[in-house]
PDB file of all heavy atoms in Angstrom:
ATOM      1  N   LEU A   1      99.228 110.850  92.881  1.00  0.00           N
ATOM      2  CA  LEU A   1      98.265 111.705  93.569  1.00  0.00           C
ATOM      3  C   LEU A   1      97.809 112.874  92.705  1.00  0.00           C
ATOM      4  O   LEU A   1      96.897 113.608  93.082  1.00  0.00           O
ATOM      5  CB  LEU A   1      98.869 112.247  94.874  1.00  0.00           C
ATOM      6  CG  LEU A   1      99.005 111.228  96.015  1.00  0.00           C
ATOM      7  CD1 LEU A   1      99.840 111.816  97.157  1.00  0.00           C
ATOM      8  CD2 LEU A   1      97.650 110.795  96.534  1.00  0.00           C
ATOM      9  N   CYS A   2      98.444 113.044  91.551  1.00  0.00           N
ATOM     10  CA  CYS A   2      98.036 114.111  90.636  1.00  0.00           C
ATOM     11  C   CYS A   2      96.796 113.687  89.842  1.00  0.00           C
ATOM     12  O   CYS A   2      96.436 112.516  89.782  1.00  0.00           O
ATOM     13  CB  CYS A   2      99.184 114.450  89.681  1.00  0.00           C
ATOM     14  SG  CYS A   2     100.487 115.451  90.420  1.00  0.00           S
ATOM     15  N   ASP A   3      96.171 114.664  89.204  1.00  0.00           N
ATOM     16  CA  ASP A   3      95.004 114.373  88.363  1.00  0.00           C
ATOM     17  C   ASP A   3      95.404 113.623  87.103  1.00  0.00           C
ATOM     18  O   ASP A   3      94.674 112.737  86.634  1.00  0.00           O
ATOM     19  CB  ASP A   3      94.304 115.681  87.968  1.00  0.00           C
ATOM     20  CG  ASP A   3      93.709 116.396  89.160  1.00  0.00           C
ATOM     21  OD1 ASP A   3      92.916 115.777  89.883  1.00  0.00           O
ATOM     22  OD2 ASP A   3      94.051 117.571  89.380  1.00  0.00           O
ATOM     23  N   LEU A   4      96.557 113.981  86.543  1.00  0.00           N
ATOM     24  CA  LEU A   4      96.968 113.410  85.255  1.00  0.00           C
ATOM     25  C   LEU A   4      98.477 113.188  85.244  1.00  0.00           C
ATOM     26  O   LEU A   4      99.229 113.989  85.821  1.00  0.00           O
ATOM     27  CB  LEU A   4      96.575 114.345  84.107  1.00  0.00           C
ATOM     28  CG  LEU A   4      95.056 114.543  83.904  1.00  0.00           C
ATOM     29  CD1 LEU A   4      94.779 115.840  83.167  1.00  0.00           C
ATOM     30  CD2 LEU A   4      94.464 113.359  83.144  1.00  0.00           C
ATOM     31  N   LEU A   5      98.895 112.107  84.596  1.00  0.00           N
ATOM     32  CA  LEU A   5     100.314 111.769  84.489  1.00  0.00           C
ATOM     33  C   LEU A   5     100.665 111.526  83.032  1.00  0.00           C
ATOM     34  O   LEU A   5     100.069 110.672  82.369  1.00  0.00           O
ATOM     35  CB  LEU A   5     100.622 110.517  85.317  1.00  0.00           C
ATOM     36  CG  LEU A   5     101.999 109.858  85.090  1.00  0.00           C
ATOM     37  CD1 LEU A   5     103.124 110.812  85.460  1.00  0.00           C
ATOM     38  CD2 LEU A   5     102.103 108.558  85.880  1.00  0.00           C
ATOM     39  N   LEU A   6     101.646 112.279  82.538  1.00  0.00           N
ATOM     40  CA  LEU A   6     102.179 112.078  81.197  1.00  0.00           C
ATOM     41  C   LEU A   6     103.616 111.590  81.345  1.00  0.00           C
ATOM     42  O   LEU A   6     104.351 112.072  82.210  1.00  0.00           O
ATOM     43  CB  LEU A   6     102.151 113.372  80.379  1.00  0.00           C
ATOM     44  CG  LEU A   6     100.785 114.008  80.135  1.00  0.00           C
ATOM     45  CD1 LEU A   6     100.417 114.962  81.268  1.00  0.00           C
ATOM     46  CD2 LEU A   6     100.771 114.786  78.814  1.00  0.00           C
ATOM     47  N   MET A   7     104.032 110.647  80.496  1.00  0.00           N
ATOM     48  CA  MET A   7     105.380 110.092  80.592  1.00  0.00           C
ATOM     49  C   MET A   7     106.094 110.114  79.248  1.00  0.00           C
ATOM     50  O   MET A   7     105.478 109.866  78.204  1.00  0.00           O
ATOM     51  CB  MET A   7     105.330 108.646  81.119  1.00  0.00           C
ATOM     52  CG  MET A   7     104.837 108.518  82.545  1.00  0.00           C
ATOM     53  SD  MET A   7     104.797 106.793  83.150  1.00  0.00           S
ATOM     54  CE  MET A   7     106.561 106.417  83.228  1.00  0.00           C
ATOM     55  N   SER A   8     107.386 110.388  79.298  1.00  0.00           N
ATOM     56  CA  SER A   8     108.233 110.324  78.122  1.00  0.00           C
ATOM     57  C   SER A   8     108.686 108.888  77.917  1.00  0.00           C
ATOM     58  O   SER A   8     109.206 108.255  78.838  1.00  0.00           O
ATOM     59  CB  SER A   8     109.456 111.232  78.296  1.00  0.00           C
ATOM     60  OG  SER A   8     110.435 110.967  77.323  1.00  0.00           O
ATOM     61  N   ARG A   9     108.472 108.373  76.716  1.00  0.00           N
ATOM     62  CA  ARG A   9     108.840 106.988  76.422  1.00  0.00           C
ATOM     63  C   ARG A   9     110.348 106.767  76.532  1.00  0.00           C
ATOM     64  O   ARG A   9     110.806 105.717  76.962  1.00  0.00           O
ATOM     65  CB  ARG A   9     108.347 106.616  75.028  1.00  0.00           C
ATOM     66  CG  ARG A   9     108.693 105.201  74.607  1.00  0.00           C
ATOM     67  CD  ARG A   9     108.038 104.815  73.285  1.00  0.00           C
ATOM     68  NE  ARG A   9     106.610 104.515  73.442  1.00  0.00           N
ATOM     69  CZ  ARG A   9     105.630 105.227  72.920  1.00  0.00           C
ATOM     70  NH1 ARG A   9     105.908 106.320  72.214  1.00  0.00           N
ATOM     71  NH2 ARG A   9     104.370 104.883  73.094  1.00  0.00           N
ATOM     72  N   ILE A  10     111.128 107.754  76.170  1.00  0.00           N
ATOM     73  CA  ILE A  10     112.572 107.575  76.122  1.00  0.00           C
ATOM     74  C   ILE A  10     113.215 107.669  77.501  1.00  0.00           C
ATOM     75  O   ILE A  10     114.295 107.127  77.726  1.00  0.00           O
ATOM     76  CB  ILE A  10     113.210 108.631  75.177  1.00  0.00           C
ATOM     77  CG1 ILE A  10     114.635 108.217  74.796  1.00  0.00           C
ATOM     78  CG2 ILE A  10     113.224 110.008  75.812  1.00  0.00           C
ATOM     79  CD1 ILE A  10     115.250 109.099  73.722  1.00  0.00           C
ATOM     80  N   SER A  11     112.546 108.302  78.461  1.00  0.00           N
ATOM     81  CA  SER A  11     113.246 108.566  79.724  1.00  0.00           C
ATOM     82  C   SER A  11     112.422 108.355  80.981  1.00  0.00           C
ATOM     83  O   SER A  11     112.989 108.228  82.069  1.00  0.00           O
ATOM     84  CB  SER A  11     113.771 110.017  79.724  1.00  0.00           C
ATOM     85  OG  SER A  11     112.702 110.935  79.527  1.00  0.00           O
ATOM     86  N   GLY A  12     111.103 108.313  80.899  1.00  0.00           N
ATOM     87  CA  GLY A  12     110.277 108.254  82.106  1.00  0.00           C
ATOM     88  C   GLY A  12     110.201 106.855  82.693  1.00  0.00           C
ATOM     89  O   GLY A  12     109.920 105.886  81.983  1.00  0.00           O
ATOM     90  N   THR A  13     110.453 106.731  83.984  1.00  0.00           N
ATOM     91  CA  THR A  13     110.300 105.457  84.697  1.00  0.00           C
ATOM     92  C   THR A  13     109.705 105.712  86.070  1.00  0.00           C
ATOM     93  O   THR A  13     110.061 106.686  86.736  1.00  0.00           O
ATOM     94  CB  THR A  13     111.646 104.727  84.865  1.00  0.00           C
ATOM     95  OG1 THR A  13     112.622 105.638  85.394  1.00  0.00           O
ATOM     96  CG2 THR A  13     112.147 104.163  83.550  1.00  0.00           C
ATOM     97  N   LEU A  14     108.805 104.840  86.494  1.00  0.00           N
ATOM     98  CA  LEU A  14     108.096 105.012  87.756  1.00  0.00           C
ATOM     99  C   LEU A  14     108.087 103.683  88.505  1.00  0.00           C
ATOM    100  O   LEU A  14     107.546 102.692  88.014  1.00  0.00           O
ATOM    101  CB  LEU A  14     106.662 105.476  87.473  1.00  0.00           C
ATOM    102  CG  LEU A  14     105.742 105.738  88.663  1.00  0.00           C
ATOM    103  CD1 LEU A  14     106.233 106.932  89.477  1.00  0.00           C
ATOM    104  CD2 LEU A  14     104.312 105.992  88.181  1.00  0.00           C
ATOM    105  N   TRP A  15     108.700 103.659  89.691  1.00  0.00           N
ATOM    106  CA  TRP A  15     108.741 102.458  90.510  1.00  0.00           C
ATOM    107  C   TRP A  15     108.469 102.815  91.960  1.00  0.00           C
ATOM    108  O   TRP A  15     108.762 103.937  92.403  1.00  0.00           O
ATOM    109  CB  TRP A  15     110.113 101.790  90.499  1.00  0.00           C
ATOM    110  CG  TRP A  15     110.783 101.554  89.196  1.00  0.00           C
ATOM    111  CD1 TRP A  15     110.442 100.635  88.253  1.00  0.00           C
ATOM    112  CD2 TRP A  15     111.961 102.204  88.695  1.00  0.00           C
ATOM    113  NE1 TRP A  15     111.327 100.673  87.209  1.00  0.00           N
ATOM    114  CE2 TRP A  15     112.275 101.627  87.450  1.00  0.00           C
ATOM    115  CE3 TRP A  15     112.788 103.230  89.182  1.00  0.00           C
ATOM    116  CZ2 TRP A  15     113.370 102.024  86.687  1.00  0.00           C
ATOM    117  CZ3 TRP A  15     113.871 103.625  88.431  1.00  0.00           C
ATOM    118  CH2 TRP A  15     114.153 103.034  87.195  1.00  0.00           C
ATOM    119  N   LEU A  16     108.003 101.850  92.703  1.00  0.00           N
ATOM    120  CA  LEU A  16     107.967 101.992  94.153  1.00  0.00           C
ATOM    121  C   LEU A  16     109.312 101.576  94.744  1.00  0.00           C
ATOM    122  O   LEU A  16     109.892 102.278  95.560  1.00  0.00           O
ATOM    123  CB  LEU A  16     106.853 101.151  94.769  1.00  0.00           C
ATOM    124  CG  LEU A  16     106.728 101.259  96.299  1.00  0.00           C
ATOM    125  CD1 LEU A  16     106.507 102.694  96.736  1.00  0.00           C
ATOM    126  CD2 LEU A  16     105.605 100.366  96.801  1.00  0.00           C
ATOM    127  N   GLY A  17     109.818 100.419  94.290  1.00  0.00           N
ATOM    128  CA  GLY A  17     111.107  99.949  94.790  1.00  0.00           C
ATOM    129  C   GLY A  17     112.240 100.200  93.817  1.00  0.00           C
ATOM    130  O   GLY A  17     113.331 100.583  94.199  1.00  0.00           O
ATOM    131  N   GLY A  18     111.964  99.994  92.540  1.00  0.00           N
ATOM    132  CA  GLY A  18     113.011 100.157  91.546  1.00  0.00           C
ATOM    133  C   GLY A  18     113.857  98.895  91.440  1.00  0.00           C
ATOM    134  O   GLY A  18     113.886  98.068  92.350  1.00  0.00           O
ATOM    135  N   PRO A  19     114.556  98.729  90.321  1.00  0.00           N
ATOM    136  CA  PRO A  19     115.293  97.487  90.087  1.00  0.00           C
ATOM    137  C   PRO A  19     116.399  97.227  91.101  1.00  0.00           C
ATOM    138  O   PRO A  19     116.606  96.100  91.538  1.00  0.00           O
ATOM    139  CB  PRO A  19     115.854  97.683  88.673  1.00  0.00           C
ATOM    140  CG  PRO A  19     115.781  99.143  88.403  1.00  0.00           C
ATOM    141  CD  PRO A  19     114.638  99.664  89.192  1.00  0.00           C
ATOM    142  N   ARG A  20     117.125  98.257  91.507  1.00  0.00           N
ATOM    143  CA  ARG A  20     118.243  98.040  92.428  1.00  0.00           C
ATOM    144  C   ARG A  20     117.753  97.689  93.822  1.00  0.00           C
ATOM    145  O   ARG A  20     118.255  96.757  94.449  1.00  0.00           O
ATOM    146  CB  ARG A  20     119.137  99.284  92.473  1.00  0.00           C
ATOM    147  CG  ARG A  20     119.871  99.563  91.169  1.00  0.00           C
ATOM    148  CD  ARG A  20     120.734 100.805  91.264  1.00  0.00           C
ATOM    149  NE  ARG A  20     121.396 101.104  90.004  1.00  0.00           N
ATOM    150  CZ  ARG A  20     122.166 102.172  89.796  1.00  0.00           C
ATOM    151  NH1 ARG A  20     122.368 103.033  90.798  1.00  0.00           N
ATOM    152  NH2 ARG A  20     122.729 102.385  88.628  1.00  0.00           N
ATOM    153  N   GLN A  21     116.789  98.468  94.320  1.00  0.00           N
ATOM    154  CA  GLN A  21     116.270  98.185  95.657  1.00  0.00           C
ATOM    155  C   GLN A  21     115.618  96.812  95.710  1.00  0.00           C
ATOM    156  O   GLN A  21     115.804  96.065  96.672  1.00  0.00           O
ATOM    157  CB  GLN A  21     115.259  99.264  96.069  1.00  0.00           C
ATOM    158  CG  GLN A  21     115.881 100.602  96.409  1.00  0.00           C
ATOM    159  CD  GLN A  21     114.851 101.545  97.014  1.00  0.00           C
ATOM    160  OE1 GLN A  21     113.896 101.109  97.643  1.00  0.00           O
ATOM    161  NE2 GLN A  21     115.047 102.842  96.817  1.00  0.00           N
ATOM    162  N   THR A  22     114.853  96.484  94.689  1.00  0.00           N
ATOM    163  CA  THR A  22     114.157  95.202  94.678  1.00  0.00           C
ATOM    164  C   THR A  22     115.141  94.045  94.638  1.00  0.00           C
ATOM    165  O   THR A  22     114.993  93.050  95.361  1.00  0.00           O
ATOM    166  CB  THR A  22     113.197  95.132  93.478  1.00  0.00           C
ATOM    167  OG1 THR A  22     112.259  96.210  93.566  1.00  0.00           O
ATOM    168  CG2 THR A  22     112.448  93.815  93.461  1.00  0.00           C
ATOM    169  N   GLN A  23     116.164  94.163  93.789  1.00  0.00           N
ATOM    170  CA  GLN A  23     117.139  93.079  93.697  1.00  0.00           C
ATOM    171  C   GLN A  23     117.905  92.920  94.995  1.00  0.00           C
ATOM    172  O   GLN A  23     118.189  91.797  95.444  1.00  0.00           O
ATOM    173  CB  GLN A  23     118.104  93.342  92.539  1.00  0.00           C
ATOM    174  CG  GLN A  23     119.071  92.178  92.289  1.00  0.00           C
ATOM    175  CD  GLN A  23     119.905  92.385  91.047  1.00  0.00           C
ATOM    176  OE1 GLN A  23     119.827  93.431  90.408  1.00  0.00           O
ATOM    177  NE2 GLN A  23     120.705  91.399  90.695  1.00  0.00           N
ATOM    178  N   ALA A  24     118.241  94.045  95.644  1.00  0.00           N
ATOM    179  CA  ALA A  24     118.971  93.974  96.906  1.00  0.00           C
ATOM    180  C   ALA A  24     118.133  93.331  97.997  1.00  0.00           C
ATOM    181  O   ALA A  24     118.645  92.597  98.847  1.00  0.00           O
ATOM    182  CB  ALA A  24     119.405  95.377  97.326  1.00  0.00           C
ATOM    183  N   ALA A  25     116.821  93.596  97.978  1.00  0.00           N
ATOM    184  CA  ALA A  25     115.953  93.100  99.052  1.00  0.00           C
ATOM    185  C   ALA A  25     115.455  91.689  98.818  1.00  0.00           C
ATOM    186  O   ALA A  25     115.315  90.906  99.759  1.00  0.00           O
ATOM    187  CB  ALA A  25     114.760  94.041  99.224  1.00  0.00           C
ATOM    188  N   THR A  26     115.189  91.339  97.537  1.00  0.00           N
ATOM    189  CA  THR A  26     114.532  90.056  97.257  1.00  0.00           C
ATOM    190  C   THR A  26     115.275  89.185  96.248  1.00  0.00           C
ATOM    191  O   THR A  26     114.846  88.067  95.990  1.00  0.00           O
ATOM    192  CB  THR A  26     113.115  90.301  96.708  1.00  0.00           C
ATOM    193  OG1 THR A  26     113.208  90.907  95.401  1.00  0.00           O
ATOM    194  CG2 THR A  26     112.313  91.216  97.624  1.00  0.00           C
ATOM    195  N   SER A  27     116.337  89.712  95.661  1.00  0.00           N
ATOM    196  CA  SER A  27     117.090  89.038  94.591  1.00  0.00           C
ATOM    197  C   SER A  27     116.319  88.958  93.281  1.00  0.00           C
ATOM    198  O   SER A  27     116.800  88.378  92.309  1.00  0.00           O
ATOM    199  CB  SER A  27     117.500  87.616  95.014  1.00  0.00           C
ATOM    200  OG  SER A  27     118.331  87.673  96.149  1.00  0.00           O
ATOM    201  N   GLU A  28     115.123  89.551  93.242  1.00  0.00           N
ATOM    202  CA  GLU A  28     114.350  89.552  92.001  1.00  0.00           C
ATOM    203  C   GLU A  28     114.969  90.537  91.019  1.00  0.00           C
ATOM    204  O   GLU A  28     115.311  91.668  91.372  1.00  0.00           O
ATOM    205  CB  GLU A  28     112.901  89.960  92.271  1.00  0.00           C
ATOM    206  CG  GLU A  28     112.023  89.989  91.026  1.00  0.00           C
ATOM    207  CD  GLU A  28     110.609  90.492  91.297  1.00  0.00           C
ATOM    208  OE1 GLU A  28     110.286  90.723  92.476  1.00  0.00           O
ATOM    209  OE2 GLU A  28     109.846  90.651  90.336  1.00  0.00           O
ATOM    210  N   VAL A  29     115.099  90.107  89.766  1.00  0.00           N
ATOM    211  CA  VAL A  29     115.652  90.965  88.726  1.00  0.00           C
ATOM    212  C   VAL A  29     114.510  91.443  87.833  1.00  0.00           C
ATOM    213  O   VAL A  29     113.779  90.638  87.256  1.00  0.00           O
ATOM    214  CB  VAL A  29     116.708  90.220  87.882  1.00  0.00           C
ATOM    215  CG1 VAL A  29     117.236  91.141  86.784  1.00  0.00           C
ATOM    216  CG2 VAL A  29     117.840  89.731  88.775  1.00  0.00           C
ATOM    217  N   TYR A  30     114.358  92.758  87.721  1.00  0.00           N
ATOM    218  CA  TYR A  30     113.296  93.336  86.909  1.00  0.00           C
ATOM    219  C   TYR A  30     113.588  93.175  85.423  1.00  0.00           C
ATOM    220  O   TYR A  30     114.733  93.261  84.981  1.00  0.00           O
ATOM    221  CB  TYR A  30     113.209  94.840  87.181  1.00  0.00           C
ATOM    222  CG  TYR A  30     112.308  95.269  88.302  1.00  0.00           C
ATOM    223  CD1 TYR A  30     111.900  94.385  89.302  1.00  0.00           C
ATOM    224  CD2 TYR A  30     111.859  96.577  88.379  1.00  0.00           C
ATOM    225  CE1 TYR A  30     111.088  94.805  90.327  1.00  0.00           C
ATOM    226  CE2 TYR A  30     111.039  97.012  89.402  1.00  0.00           C
ATOM    227  CZ  TYR A  30     110.658  96.120  90.372  1.00  0.00           C
ATOM    228  OH  TYR A  30     109.841  96.548  91.383  1.00  0.00           O
ATOM    229  N   ASP A  31     112.539  92.993  84.648  1.00  0.00           N
ATOM    230  CA  ASP A  31     112.639  93.170  83.212  1.00  0.00           C
ATOM    231  C   ASP A  31     112.889  94.654  82.947  1.00  0.00           C
ATOM    232  O   ASP A  31     112.375  95.531  83.632  1.00  0.00           O
ATOM    233  CB  ASP A  31     111.333  92.733  82.527  1.00  0.00           C
ATOM    234  CG  ASP A  31     111.419  92.855  81.019  1.00  0.00           C
ATOM    235  OD1 ASP A  31     111.152  93.964  80.509  1.00  0.00           O
ATOM    236  OD2 ASP A  31     111.745  91.860  80.361  1.00  0.00           O
ATOM    237  N   GLU A  32     113.688  94.962  81.941  1.00  0.00           N
ATOM    238  CA  GLU A  32     114.064  96.347  81.683  1.00  0.00           C
ATOM    239  C   GLU A  32     112.880  97.241  81.333  1.00  0.00           C
ATOM    240  O   GLU A  32     112.961  98.467  81.452  1.00  0.00           O
ATOM    241  CB  GLU A  32     115.100  96.402  80.563  1.00  0.00           C
ATOM    242  CG  GLU A  32     114.593  95.885  79.227  1.00  0.00           C
ATOM    243  CD  GLU A  32     115.623  95.964  78.113  1.00  0.00           C
ATOM    244  OE1 GLU A  32     116.793  96.251  78.421  1.00  0.00           O
ATOM    245  OE2 GLU A  32     115.246  95.762  76.948  1.00  0.00           O
ATOM    246  N   ASN A  33     111.765  96.664  80.898  1.00  0.00           N
ATOM    247  CA  ASN A  33     110.599  97.464  80.522  1.00  0.00           C
ATOM    248  C   ASN A  33     109.687  97.794  81.699  1.00  0.00           C
ATOM    249  O   ASN A  33     108.798  98.645  81.570  1.00  0.00           O
ATOM    250  CB  ASN A  33     109.782  96.722  79.457  1.00  0.00           C
ATOM    251  CG  ASN A  33     110.561  96.553  78.164  1.00  0.00           C
ATOM    252  OD1 ASN A  33     111.238  97.472  77.723  1.00  0.00           O
ATOM    253  ND2 ASN A  33     110.466  95.372  77.563  1.00  0.00           N
ATOM    254  N   VAL A  34     109.895  97.126  82.833  1.00  0.00           N
ATOM    255  CA  VAL A  34     109.042  97.371  83.997  1.00  0.00           C
ATOM    256  C   VAL A  34     109.249  98.806  84.490  1.00  0.00           C
ATOM    257  O   VAL A  34     110.377  99.253  84.679  1.00  0.00           O
ATOM    258  CB  VAL A  34     109.353  96.369  85.127  1.00  0.00           C
ATOM    259  CG1 VAL A  34     108.613  96.756  86.401  1.00  0.00           C
ATOM    260  CG2 VAL A  34     108.966  94.956  84.702  1.00  0.00           C
ATOM    261  N   GLY A  35     108.159  99.507  84.690  1.00  0.00           N
ATOM    262  CA  GLY A  35     108.229 100.875  85.183  1.00  0.00           C
ATOM    263  C   GLY A  35     108.292 101.931  84.109  1.00  0.00           C
ATOM    264  O   GLY A  35     108.202 103.124  84.403  1.00  0.00           O
ATOM    265  N   GLY A  36     108.436 101.525  82.841  1.00  0.00           N
ATOM    266  CA  GLY A  36     108.515 102.504  81.773  1.00  0.00           C
ATOM    267  C   GLY A  36     107.157 103.046  81.359  1.00  0.00           C
ATOM    268  O   GLY A  36     106.108 102.620  81.860  1.00  0.00           O
ATOM    269  N   ALA A  37     107.166 103.977  80.420  1.00  0.00           N
ATOM    270  CA  ALA A  37     105.935 104.653  80.012  1.00  0.00           C
ATOM    271  C   ALA A  37     104.928 103.668  79.421  1.00  0.00           C
ATOM    272  O   ALA A  37     103.745 103.683  79.782  1.00  0.00           O
ATOM    273  CB  ALA A  37     106.266 105.752  79.006  1.00  0.00           C
ATOM    274  N   ASP A  38     105.364 102.808  78.515  1.00  0.00           N
ATOM    275  CA  ASP A  38     104.438 101.857  77.888  1.00  0.00           C
ATOM    276  C   ASP A  38     103.929 100.835  78.899  1.00  0.00           C
ATOM    277  O   ASP A  38     102.782 100.387  78.830  1.00  0.00           O
ATOM    278  CB  ASP A  38     105.118 101.152  76.715  1.00  0.00           C
ATOM    279  CG  ASP A  38     105.384 102.095  75.552  1.00  0.00           C
ATOM    280  OD1 ASP A  38     104.487 102.899  75.228  1.00  0.00           O
ATOM    281  OD2 ASP A  38     106.481 102.046  74.970  1.00  0.00           O
TER     282      ASP A  38
END
């Protein structure tokens, strides 16, 4: 909802569900790069 978003490659991650919630709900396992800055 902000005008601009900057992310740190080494630490920034953005998810709606996230790997743990998603795996618990659907058994889907995220790739480790999903949600990262790149």
